[in-house]
Amino acid sequence: MAQPQQKEQHDMLKTISPVDGSVYVERPLQGPADIDAALDKAKKAQKEWRKAPLAERQKYILKFMDYMVAHADEIGKEITWQMGRPVSQTPGEIMRGFVERIKYTVELAPKALADIIPDDRQEGFKRYIRREPVGVVAIIAPWNYPYLTSVNAIVPALLAGNAVILKHSHQTPLVADRYAEGFKAAGLPDGVFQFLDLSHADAEKLMADKRVDFVNFTGSVKGGHAVQKAICDKFIVAGLELGGKDPAYVRADADVHYAVENLVDGAFFNSGQCCCGIERIYVHESVYDAFVKEFVELTKKYKLGNPTEPETNLGPMVRTAAADFVRGQIDEAVKKGAKALIDESLFPASKPGTPYLAPQVLVDVDHSMSIMMDETFGPAVGIMKVKDDAEAVKLMNDSPFGLTASIWTKDAEAAEKLGQEVETGTVYLNRCDYLDPGLPWTGVKDTGRGASLSIVGFESLTRPKSFHLKTKI
């Protein structure tokens, strides 16, 4: 995520709600002594947890899931107050993607963790590769999809036999509490899952500790470099998901209405605060005018306002500083010749000095503008006209990021060929802003390193151990 992090205030965690600026959560931060105690506890618990049969681990996870589903409405309200997503949308984070990923990962675990038998069987020998848990996994989770991002690492880590210590964002600390409550209700053995509220400096101490065997981090590029430095004296790796500047390309043969409907949602859902949200769109010149006209008209139908009201479908950004960053990108683009097509007066809740920001659509943009190159992470998108596939691919690849890219066309074969040329972790055809639990979530360039989800996601949470047994002598 590119936006500035909330500043720590002495030894207190303080969550300011973007809904009304009130203090929603305030409690003491933990420190080095708490880190030491949690790691000792995790190491001890993991030695027993790794011995539990996989079927037993699966049962704990499914009981945890049931607890979370039973409390989805109240969890949804907490999400709204912590980070501003409309209450009409927040329960869905638990009821849809969260449940889908847990069920899929639980079902996948036996295959992902199964012994690998070499094809060249040798008489008199028993040879196989076993996937062993790495040990203690530290997970540093973000606020924008506080459950969907963290569950990608927590569940496979536990299924693989690891202990987990979660450090959640200061913007969404109650998410960690809910995880703890859910695992306690499921009867998970003490110490297998823990969470800590830490300053950035103490989070680095946690990651650097020799008792931590793997780090999963979702955040900014700057934060990713801090993680790398924190673990540099250990021979471990970190999974780093550092955001994106995800493009869409609308070809000449695209269903324009369908593309608009989905790309508007992809750009503005969660106030654009999505790692894989649509941030730049390239449209073939033959359908450009029709696409832009319909895109603008649909954008104008959004209702920006108090996210606790059921009719609201566009809430505030997470904090005023984040909204001001987007305002700055829009202003810079306009000064350089871009045209802003949305009259902000249509959204009376949008006011300077607040996190409430109207959606914005910009045309006549180019890659000299920040809005087309730097992660926006807000409700603003630039649309460029292109003459052909080659120009679209060139522009899509002209980015320091590479998380997802979507192609909108009726020609699936052409899209697949184009997808092979795009520098990205995931290629979509006629959809966007979605994580398939059967496919790895990964990226290239400054988007980071490693993968979560799918069978590939288990690889970094385990280590291969070879057994070469001579059974006849």
Protein backbone atom coordinates (compact mmCIF):
# COMPACT_ATOMS: atom_id res chain seq x y z
CA MET A 1 0.00 0.00 0.00
CA ALA A 2 1.44 3.34 -0.98
CA GLN A 3 -0.31 5.56 1.54
CA PRO A 4 1.42 6.96 4.64
CA GLN A 5 1.12 4.88 7.78
CA GLN A 6 -0.61 6.10 10.92
CA LYS A 7 1.97 7.61 13.29
CA GLU A 8 2.48 5.93 16.62
CA GLN A 9 1.81 8.06 19.67
CA HIS A 10 4.28 7.16 22.39
CA ASP A 11 3.39 3.73 23.81
CA MET A 12 -0.27 3.73 22.83
CA LEU A 13 -2.13 2.28 19.88
CA LYS A 14 -4.79 4.72 18.78
CA THR A 15 -7.22 3.97 15.95
CA ILE A 16 -8.93 7.07 14.55
CA SER A 17 -12.15 6.14 12.77
CA PRO A 18 -12.46 7.74 9.32
CA VAL A 19 -16.23 7.73 9.80
CA ASP A 20 -16.25 10.68 12.19
CA GLY A 21 -12.70 11.24 13.42
CA SER A 22 -13.38 9.67 16.81
CA VAL A 23 -10.97 7.41 18.69
CA TYR A 24 -12.39 3.94 18.07
CA VAL A 25 -9.67 1.85 19.74
CA GLU A 26 -7.03 2.93 22.24
CA ARG A 27 -4.81 0.56 24.19
CA PRO A 28 -1.16 0.12 25.18
CA LEU A 29 1.34 -1.18 22.69
CA GLN A 30 3.33 -4.24 23.62
CA GLY A 31 7.10 -4.31 23.64
CA PRO A 32 10.26 -6.46 23.65
CA ALA A 33 9.31 -8.43 26.78
CA ASP A 34 5.98 -9.36 25.20
CA ILE A 35 7.73 -10.36 21.98
CA ASP A 36 10.11 -12.59 23.91
CA ALA A 37 7.31 -14.27 25.84
CA ALA A 38 5.18 -14.79 22.73
CA LEU A 39 8.05 -16.33 20.78
CA ASP A 40 8.98 -18.70 23.59
CA LYS A 41 5.35 -19.74 23.85
CA ALA A 42 5.03 -20.16 20.08
CA LYS A 43 8.19 -22.28 19.82
CA LYS A 44 6.99 -24.58 22.57
CA ALA A 45 3.46 -24.88 21.18
CA GLN A 46 4.66 -25.51 17.63
CA LYS A 47 6.67 -28.57 18.68
CA GLU A 48 3.42 -30.27 19.67
CA TRP A 49 1.20 -28.71 17.02
CA ARG A 50 3.36 -30.07 14.20
CA LYS A 51 2.67 -33.59 15.50
CA ALA A 52 -1.11 -33.18 15.28
CA PRO A 53 -2.62 -35.13 12.37
CA LEU A 54 -3.62 -32.94 9.46
CA ALA A 55 -7.25 -34.02 9.83
CA GLU A 56 -7.20 -32.64 13.38
CA ARG A 57 -5.75 -29.33 12.24
CA GLN A 58 -8.43 -29.11 9.56
CA LYS A 59 -11.17 -29.52 12.17
CA TYR A 60 -9.81 -26.64 14.24
CA ILE A 61 -9.74 -24.36 11.21
CA LEU A 62 -13.31 -25.19 10.19
CA LYS A 63 -14.57 -24.60 13.74
CA PHE A 64 -12.80 -21.25 13.68
CA MET A 65 -14.49 -20.43 10.36
CA ASP A 66 -17.90 -21.28 11.82
CA TYR A 67 -17.30 -18.89 14.70
CA MET A 68 -16.37 -16.06 12.34
CA VAL A 69 -19.41 -16.64 10.13
CA ALA A 70 -21.68 -16.61 13.18
CA HIS A 71 -20.31 -13.17 14.10
CA ALA A 72 -20.08 -11.75 10.57
CA ASP A 73 -22.53 -8.89 11.10
CA GLU A 74 -20.80 -7.49 14.18
CA ILE A 75 -17.39 -8.05 12.59
CA GLY A 76 -18.62 -6.12 9.55
CA LYS A 77 -19.64 -3.15 11.69
CA GLU A 78 -16.21 -3.16 13.33
CA ILE A 79 -14.54 -3.06 9.92
CA THR A 80 -16.68 -0.08 8.92
CA TRP A 81 -15.75 1.91 12.00
CA GLN A 82 -12.08 1.00 11.80
CA MET A 83 -11.39 1.68 8.11
CA GLY A 84 -14.51 3.22 6.57
CA ARG A 85 -15.91 0.64 4.16
CA PRO A 86 -19.72 0.91 3.89
CA VAL A 87 -21.55 -1.35 6.32
CA SER A 88 -23.56 -2.74 3.40
CA GLN A 89 -20.33 -4.28 2.08
CA THR A 90 -18.26 -5.22 5.13
CA PRO A 91 -20.00 -8.47 6.18
CA GLY A 92 -19.17 -9.80 2.73
CA GLU A 93 -15.49 -9.89 3.62
CA ILE A 94 -16.29 -12.75 6.02
CA MET A 95 -19.22 -14.36 4.24
CA ARG A 96 -17.73 -14.61 0.76
CA GLY A 97 -14.00 -14.47 0.12
CA PHE A 98 -12.95 -15.38 3.65
CA VAL A 99 -15.06 -18.54 3.76
CA GLU A 100 -14.23 -19.45 0.17
CA ARG A 101 -10.49 -19.29 0.83
CA ILE A 102 -10.65 -21.20 4.09
CA LYS A 103 -12.71 -24.03 2.62
CA TYR A 104 -10.53 -24.28 -0.45
CA THR A 105 -7.29 -24.24 1.55
CA VAL A 106 -8.55 -26.86 4.00
CA GLU A 107 -9.55 -29.14 1.13
CA LEU A 108 -6.26 -28.51 -0.67
CA ALA A 109 -4.01 -29.17 2.32
CA PRO A 110 -3.77 -32.99 2.00
CA LYS A 111 -2.54 -32.64 -1.57
CA ALA A 112 -0.26 -29.67 -0.84
CA LEU A 113 1.36 -31.39 2.15
CA ALA A 114 1.49 -34.94 0.80
CA ASP A 115 4.80 -36.76 0.51
CA ILE A 116 6.40 -36.59 -2.93
CA ILE A 117 7.61 -39.94 -4.25
CA PRO A 118 10.35 -39.86 -6.93
CA ASP A 119 9.31 -41.45 -10.21
CA ASP A 120 12.47 -43.56 -10.47
CA ARG A 121 11.66 -46.15 -7.82
CA GLN A 122 14.70 -48.09 -6.68
CA GLU A 123 14.46 -51.59 -5.29
CA GLY A 124 15.74 -51.87 -1.73
CA PHE A 125 15.21 -48.18 -1.00
CA LYS A 126 12.40 -46.05 0.38
CA ARG A 127 12.74 -42.49 -0.89
CA TYR A 128 10.40 -39.56 -0.48
CA ILE A 129 10.21 -35.82 0.16
CA ARG A 130 8.21 -34.58 3.12
CA ARG A 131 6.88 -31.05 3.53
CA GLU A 132 7.87 -30.00 7.06
CA PRO A 133 6.58 -26.83 8.77
CA VAL A 134 9.12 -24.01 8.93
CA GLY A 135 8.32 -23.28 12.60
CA VAL A 136 7.10 -19.85 13.72
CA VAL A 137 5.50 -17.56 11.13
CA ALA A 138 5.22 -13.80 11.71
CA ILE A 139 2.42 -12.17 9.75
CA ILE A 140 2.28 -8.39 9.29
CA ALA A 141 -1.20 -7.61 7.95
CA PRO A 142 -2.74 -4.46 6.39
CA TRP A 143 -6.00 -2.62 7.04
CA ASN A 144 -7.63 -2.38 3.61
CA TYR A 145 -8.92 -5.97 3.48
CA PRO A 146 -8.05 -6.88 7.06
CA TYR A 147 -9.41 -10.43 6.97
CA LEU A 148 -8.94 -11.37 3.32
CA THR A 149 -5.25 -10.47 3.29
CA SER A 150 -4.38 -12.08 6.62
CA VAL A 151 -6.33 -15.30 6.11
CA ASN A 152 -4.23 -16.05 3.02
CA ALA A 153 -1.24 -16.69 5.27
CA ILE A 154 -2.73 -17.63 8.64
CA VAL A 155 -4.77 -20.65 7.56
CA PRO A 156 -2.17 -22.42 5.37
CA ALA A 157 0.52 -21.67 7.98
CA LEU A 158 -1.50 -23.40 10.68
CA LEU A 159 -2.54 -26.28 8.45
CA ALA A 160 1.12 -26.87 7.61
CA GLY A 161 1.94 -27.24 11.31
CA ASN A 162 3.40 -23.81 12.06
CA ALA A 163 2.70 -21.48 14.96
CA VAL A 164 1.56 -17.98 14.00
CA ILE A 165 2.16 -14.56 15.54
CA LEU A 166 0.02 -11.85 13.94
CA LYS A 167 0.82 -8.15 14.04
CA HIS A 168 -2.17 -6.40 12.50
CA SER A 169 -2.42 -2.81 11.31
CA HIS A 170 -2.99 -0.14 13.96
CA GLN A 171 -5.99 0.90 11.86
CA THR A 172 -7.71 -2.47 12.27
CA PRO A 173 -6.49 -3.94 15.58
CA LEU A 174 -9.78 -5.58 16.48
CA VAL A 175 -9.26 -8.00 13.60
CA ALA A 176 -6.49 -9.65 15.58
CA ASP A 177 -8.78 -9.87 18.62
CA ARG A 178 -11.42 -11.59 16.51
CA TYR A 179 -8.92 -14.12 15.20
CA ALA A 180 -7.88 -14.89 18.76
CA GLU A 181 -11.50 -15.25 19.89
CA GLY A 182 -12.30 -17.50 16.94
CA PHE A 183 -9.35 -19.81 17.51
CA LYS A 184 -10.08 -19.96 21.23
CA ALA A 185 -13.68 -20.90 20.50
CA ALA A 186 -12.41 -23.59 18.14
CA GLY A 187 -10.22 -25.03 20.92
CA LEU A 188 -6.91 -24.36 19.16
CA PRO A 189 -4.04 -25.29 21.54
CA ASP A 190 -2.67 -22.36 23.52
CA GLY A 191 0.28 -20.63 21.90
CA VAL A 192 -0.32 -21.88 18.35
CA PHE A 193 -1.89 -18.55 17.39
CA GLN A 194 -1.02 -15.27 19.11
CA PHE A 195 -1.14 -11.59 18.24
CA LEU A 196 0.87 -8.57 19.30
CA ASP A 197 0.21 -4.82 19.05
CA LEU A 198 3.63 -3.41 18.20
CA SER A 199 5.30 -0.22 17.05
CA HIS A 200 7.08 -0.37 13.70
CA ALA A 201 10.43 -0.60 15.49
CA ASP A 202 9.28 -3.49 17.66
CA ALA A 203 7.69 -5.23 14.68
CA GLU A 204 11.15 -5.17 13.10
CA LYS A 205 12.57 -6.70 16.29
CA LEU A 206 9.98 -9.47 16.06
CA MET A 207 10.89 -10.24 12.46
CA ALA A 208 14.63 -10.11 13.20
CA ASP A 209 14.43 -12.55 16.12
CA LYS A 210 16.10 -15.89 15.42
CA ARG A 211 12.97 -17.71 16.60
CA VAL A 212 10.96 -16.38 13.63
CA ASP A 213 11.30 -18.71 10.65
CA PHE A 214 9.21 -16.94 8.00
CA VAL A 215 7.68 -13.49 7.55
CA ASN A 216 4.57 -12.67 5.53
CA PHE A 217 4.19 -8.94 4.91
CA THR A 218 1.58 -6.95 3.01
CA GLY A 219 2.24 -3.23 2.75
CA SER A 220 4.25 -0.55 1.01
CA VAL A 221 7.45 -0.87 -1.00
CA LYS A 222 9.21 1.09 1.76
CA GLY A 223 7.86 -1.38 4.29
CA GLY A 224 9.07 -4.28 2.15
CA HIS A 225 12.61 -2.92 2.22
CA ALA A 226 12.34 -2.58 6.01
CA VAL A 227 11.35 -6.25 6.23
CA GLN A 228 14.31 -7.27 4.10
CA LYS A 229 16.66 -5.33 6.36
CA ALA A 230 15.08 -6.79 9.50
CA ILE A 231 15.74 -10.39 8.42
CA CYS A 232 19.07 -9.82 6.67
CA ASP A 233 21.11 -11.54 9.39
CA LYS A 234 19.07 -14.75 9.08
CA PHE A 235 18.81 -17.23 6.24
CA ILE A 236 15.06 -16.96 5.91
CA VAL A 237 12.85 -15.42 3.26
CA ALA A 238 9.82 -13.18 3.42
CA GLY A 239 6.65 -13.18 1.38
CA LEU A 240 6.18 -9.58 0.23
CA GLU A 241 2.98 -8.25 -1.34
CA LEU A 242 3.63 -4.57 -1.89
CA GLY A 243 0.74 -3.26 -3.94
CA GLY A 244 0.26 -2.37 -7.56
CA LYS A 245 -0.83 0.00 -10.29
CA ASP A 246 -3.13 -2.46 -12.01
CA PRO A 247 -4.06 -1.79 -15.65
CA ALA A 248 -7.02 -2.78 -17.79
CA TYR A 249 -7.09 -2.91 -21.57
CA VAL A 250 -10.40 -2.64 -23.42
CA ARG A 251 -9.99 -3.98 -26.96
CA ALA A 252 -12.00 -2.92 -30.01
CA ASP A 253 -14.20 -6.02 -29.83
CA ALA A 254 -15.00 -5.74 -26.11
CA ASP A 255 -18.53 -5.68 -24.74
CA VAL A 256 -18.32 -2.04 -23.68
CA HIS A 257 -21.29 -2.10 -21.32
CA TYR A 258 -19.99 -5.20 -19.52
CA ALA A 259 -16.48 -3.76 -19.32
CA VAL A 260 -17.71 -0.47 -17.90
CA GLU A 261 -19.90 -2.14 -15.31
CA ASN A 262 -17.02 -4.22 -14.00
CA LEU A 263 -14.21 -1.68 -14.33
CA VAL A 264 -16.10 1.05 -12.48
CA ASP A 265 -16.58 -1.37 -9.61
CA GLY A 266 -12.94 -2.46 -9.91
CA ALA A 267 -11.80 1.15 -9.64
CA PHE A 268 -14.05 2.42 -6.86
CA PHE A 269 -14.99 -0.49 -4.59
CA ASN A 270 -13.56 0.03 -1.10
CA SER A 271 -12.92 3.63 -2.18
CA GLY A 272 -10.24 2.31 -4.52
CA GLN A 273 -8.21 1.03 -1.58
CA CYS A 274 -7.50 -2.36 -3.13
CA CYS A 275 -4.09 -3.82 -3.97
CA CYS A 276 -5.56 -5.17 -7.19
CA GLY A 277 -7.98 -2.32 -7.83
CA ILE A 278 -8.10 -0.84 -11.33
CA GLU A 279 -5.92 2.29 -11.38
CA ARG A 280 -5.34 2.90 -15.10
CA ILE A 281 -7.36 1.96 -18.17
CA TYR A 282 -6.29 1.78 -21.83
CA VAL A 283 -9.11 1.76 -24.38
CA HIS A 284 -8.94 1.10 -28.11
CA GLU A 285 -9.66 4.29 -30.05
CA SER A 286 -12.67 2.76 -31.84
CA VAL A 287 -14.63 2.29 -28.59
CA TYR A 288 -12.96 4.99 -26.49
CA ASP A 289 -15.69 7.65 -26.64
CA ALA A 290 -18.50 5.21 -25.90
CA PHE A 291 -16.53 3.66 -23.05
CA VAL A 292 -15.65 6.97 -21.38
CA LYS A 293 -19.21 8.31 -21.66
CA GLU A 294 -20.75 5.25 -20.03
CA PHE A 295 -17.96 5.01 -17.43
CA VAL A 296 -18.60 8.60 -16.30
CA GLU A 297 -22.37 8.15 -16.16
CA LEU A 298 -22.07 5.05 -13.97
CA THR A 299 -19.54 6.73 -11.69
CA LYS A 300 -21.97 9.59 -11.08
CA LYS A 301 -24.46 7.12 -9.59
CA TYR A 302 -22.29 6.36 -6.56
CA LYS A 303 -23.46 7.63 -3.18
CA LEU A 304 -20.61 8.96 -1.06
CA GLY A 305 -21.39 9.38 2.59
CA ASN A 306 -21.50 7.99 6.09
CA PRO A 307 -20.55 4.30 5.72
CA THR A 308 -22.79 3.27 8.62
CA GLU A 309 -25.85 4.16 6.51
CA PRO A 310 -27.10 1.24 4.38
CA GLU A 311 -27.66 3.29 1.22
CA THR A 312 -24.01 4.42 1.08
CA ASN A 313 -21.84 2.53 -1.43
CA LEU A 314 -18.74 4.75 -1.30
CA GLY A 315 -17.27 5.48 2.09
CA PRO A 316 -14.43 7.69 3.28
CA MET A 317 -10.82 6.83 2.66
CA VAL A 318 -8.93 5.44 5.62
CA ARG A 319 -7.62 8.86 6.72
CA THR A 320 -7.41 12.45 5.55
CA ALA A 321 -3.74 12.16 4.60
CA ALA A 322 -4.59 9.33 2.18
CA ALA A 323 -7.38 11.40 0.60
CA ASP A 324 -5.06 14.39 0.31
CA PHE A 325 -2.51 12.23 -1.53
CA VAL A 326 -5.15 11.37 -4.15
CA ARG A 327 -6.25 15.00 -4.35
CA GLY A 328 -2.64 15.88 -5.05
CA GLN A 329 -2.40 13.34 -7.87
CA ILE A 330 -5.59 14.71 -9.45
CA ASP A 331 -4.42 18.32 -9.18
CA GLU A 332 -1.01 17.49 -10.68
CA ALA A 333 -2.63 15.67 -13.62
CA VAL A 334 -4.99 18.57 -14.35
CA LYS A 335 -2.10 21.06 -14.24
CA LYS A 336 -0.31 18.92 -16.82
CA GLY A 337 -3.30 18.92 -19.18
CA ALA A 338 -5.61 16.15 -17.99
CA LYS A 339 -9.38 16.69 -17.81
CA ALA A 340 -11.35 15.71 -14.70
CA LEU A 341 -14.78 14.53 -15.86
CA ILE A 342 -16.58 14.26 -12.51
CA ASP A 343 -18.00 17.44 -10.98
CA GLU A 344 -17.18 17.12 -7.28
CA SER A 345 -20.31 19.11 -6.39
CA LEU A 346 -22.31 15.99 -7.31
CA PHE A 347 -20.86 14.47 -4.15
CA PRO A 348 -21.57 17.00 -1.37
CA ALA A 349 -19.97 14.77 1.28
CA SER A 350 -16.61 15.24 -0.45
CA LYS A 351 -14.80 17.99 1.45
CA PRO A 352 -11.17 19.12 1.69
CA GLY A 353 -9.57 18.37 5.03
CA THR A 354 -11.60 15.17 5.46
CA PRO A 355 -11.17 11.56 4.32
CA TYR A 356 -14.38 11.87 2.25
CA LEU A 357 -13.40 12.11 -1.43
CA ALA A 358 -15.53 12.04 -4.57
CA PRO A 359 -14.65 9.48 -7.26
CA GLN A 360 -12.77 10.99 -10.18
CA VAL A 361 -12.27 9.99 -13.81
CA LEU A 362 -9.40 11.60 -15.73
CA VAL A 363 -8.80 11.66 -19.49
CA ASP A 364 -6.10 13.22 -21.63
CA VAL A 365 -3.63 11.61 -19.24
CA ASP A 366 -0.17 10.26 -20.00
CA HIS A 367 2.68 8.51 -18.21
CA SER A 368 4.36 11.76 -17.17
CA MET A 369 1.59 12.06 -14.58
CA SER A 370 1.70 10.48 -11.13
CA ILE A 371 -1.92 9.30 -11.53
CA MET A 372 -0.72 6.87 -14.22
CA MET A 373 2.55 5.76 -12.62
CA ASP A 374 2.37 5.88 -8.81
CA GLU A 375 0.02 3.79 -6.72
CA THR A 376 -3.09 5.88 -6.04
CA PHE A 377 -4.95 3.61 -3.65
CA GLY A 378 -8.02 5.80 -3.83
CA PRO A 379 -11.12 6.54 -5.94
CA ALA A 380 -9.44 8.06 -8.99
CA VAL A 381 -8.61 6.48 -12.33
CA GLY A 382 -7.00 7.66 -15.57
CA ILE A 383 -8.22 6.52 -19.00
CA MET A 384 -5.97 6.62 -22.09
CA LYS A 385 -6.79 6.06 -25.75
CA VAL A 386 -4.61 3.53 -27.64
CA LYS A 387 -4.43 2.62 -31.31
CA ASP A 388 -3.69 -1.11 -31.05
CA ASP A 389 -2.66 -4.08 -28.90
CA ALA A 390 1.04 -3.28 -29.15
CA GLU A 391 0.61 0.20 -27.71
CA ALA A 392 -1.62 -1.13 -24.93
CA VAL A 393 0.92 -3.78 -23.89
CA LYS A 394 3.76 -1.25 -23.96
CA LEU A 395 1.85 1.09 -21.68
CA MET A 396 0.68 -1.68 -19.36
CA ASN A 397 4.29 -2.76 -18.88
CA ASP A 398 5.49 0.80 -18.32
CA SER A 399 5.14 0.56 -14.55
CA PRO A 400 7.27 -0.27 -11.52
CA PHE A 401 4.51 -2.61 -10.37
CA GLY A 402 3.08 -5.87 -11.65
CA LEU A 403 0.29 -7.43 -9.58
CA THR A 404 -2.67 -7.99 -11.93
CA ALA A 405 -3.77 -6.91 -15.39
CA SER A 406 -7.13 -7.38 -17.08
CA ILE A 407 -7.98 -7.65 -20.76
CA TRP A 408 -11.51 -7.06 -22.02
CA THR A 409 -12.31 -8.73 -25.33
CA LYS A 410 -14.49 -11.37 -26.96
CA ASP A 411 -11.37 -13.05 -28.37
CA ALA A 412 -10.08 -15.32 -25.60
CA GLU A 413 -7.20 -16.63 -27.71
CA ALA A 414 -5.96 -13.10 -28.44
CA ALA A 415 -6.23 -12.20 -24.76
CA GLU A 416 -4.17 -15.21 -23.74
CA LYS A 417 -1.43 -14.27 -26.21
CA LEU A 418 -1.43 -10.68 -24.98
CA GLY A 419 -1.33 -11.91 -21.41
CA GLN A 420 1.93 -13.69 -22.10
CA GLU A 421 3.50 -10.33 -22.96
CA VAL A 422 2.21 -8.42 -19.94
CA GLU A 423 4.57 -8.19 -16.96
CA THR A 424 2.24 -9.14 -14.14
CA GLY A 425 1.46 -11.76 -11.54
CA THR A 426 -2.10 -12.49 -12.71
CA VAL A 427 -3.82 -12.00 -16.07
CA TYR A 428 -7.61 -11.68 -16.14
CA LEU A 429 -9.95 -11.96 -19.10
CA ASN A 430 -13.23 -10.07 -18.72
CA ARG A 431 -12.96 -9.76 -14.94
CA CYS A 432 -10.81 -7.94 -12.39
CA ASP A 433 -10.21 -7.33 -8.70
CA TYR A 434 -10.66 -10.97 -7.66
CA LEU A 435 -8.49 -13.57 -5.95
CA ASP A 436 -8.96 -17.18 -7.04
CA PRO A 437 -7.87 -19.43 -4.12
CA GLY A 438 -6.81 -22.07 -6.64
CA LEU A 439 -4.23 -19.75 -8.20
CA PRO A 440 -1.17 -18.18 -6.56
CA TRP A 441 -1.40 -14.53 -5.55
CA THR A 442 1.92 -13.14 -6.64
CA GLY A 443 3.56 -10.24 -8.44
CA VAL A 444 6.64 -8.96 -10.20
CA LYS A 445 8.90 -5.91 -9.96
CA ASP A 446 8.10 -3.65 -6.98
CA THR A 447 4.95 -5.58 -6.26
CA GLY A 448 7.15 -7.94 -4.29
CA ARG A 449 8.17 -11.56 -4.00
CA GLY A 450 6.67 -14.92 -3.14
CA ALA A 451 3.12 -16.20 -3.36
CA SER A 452 0.10 -16.95 -1.22
CA LEU A 453 -3.01 -19.03 -2.00
CA SER A 454 -3.15 -22.25 -4.05
CA ILE A 455 -0.80 -25.19 -3.67
CA VAL A 456 2.09 -22.81 -4.37
CA GLY A 457 1.23 -20.83 -1.24
CA PHE A 458 2.17 -23.78 0.96
CA GLU A 459 5.72 -23.91 -0.40
CA SER A 460 7.12 -20.97 1.56
CA LEU A 461 5.39 -22.16 4.73
CA THR A 462 7.12 -25.52 4.60
CA ARG A 463 10.59 -26.85 3.86
CA PRO A 464 11.42 -30.03 1.97
CA LYS A 465 12.98 -32.84 3.97
CA SER A 466 14.37 -35.81 2.04
CA PHE A 467 14.19 -39.39 3.30
CA HIS A 468 16.62 -41.80 1.65
CA LEU A 469 16.18 -45.14 3.40
CA LYS A 470 18.10 -48.25 2.40
CA THR A 471 15.75 -51.00 3.45
CA LYS A 472 17.79 -53.97 2.23
CA ILE A 473 21.44 -54.58 3.14
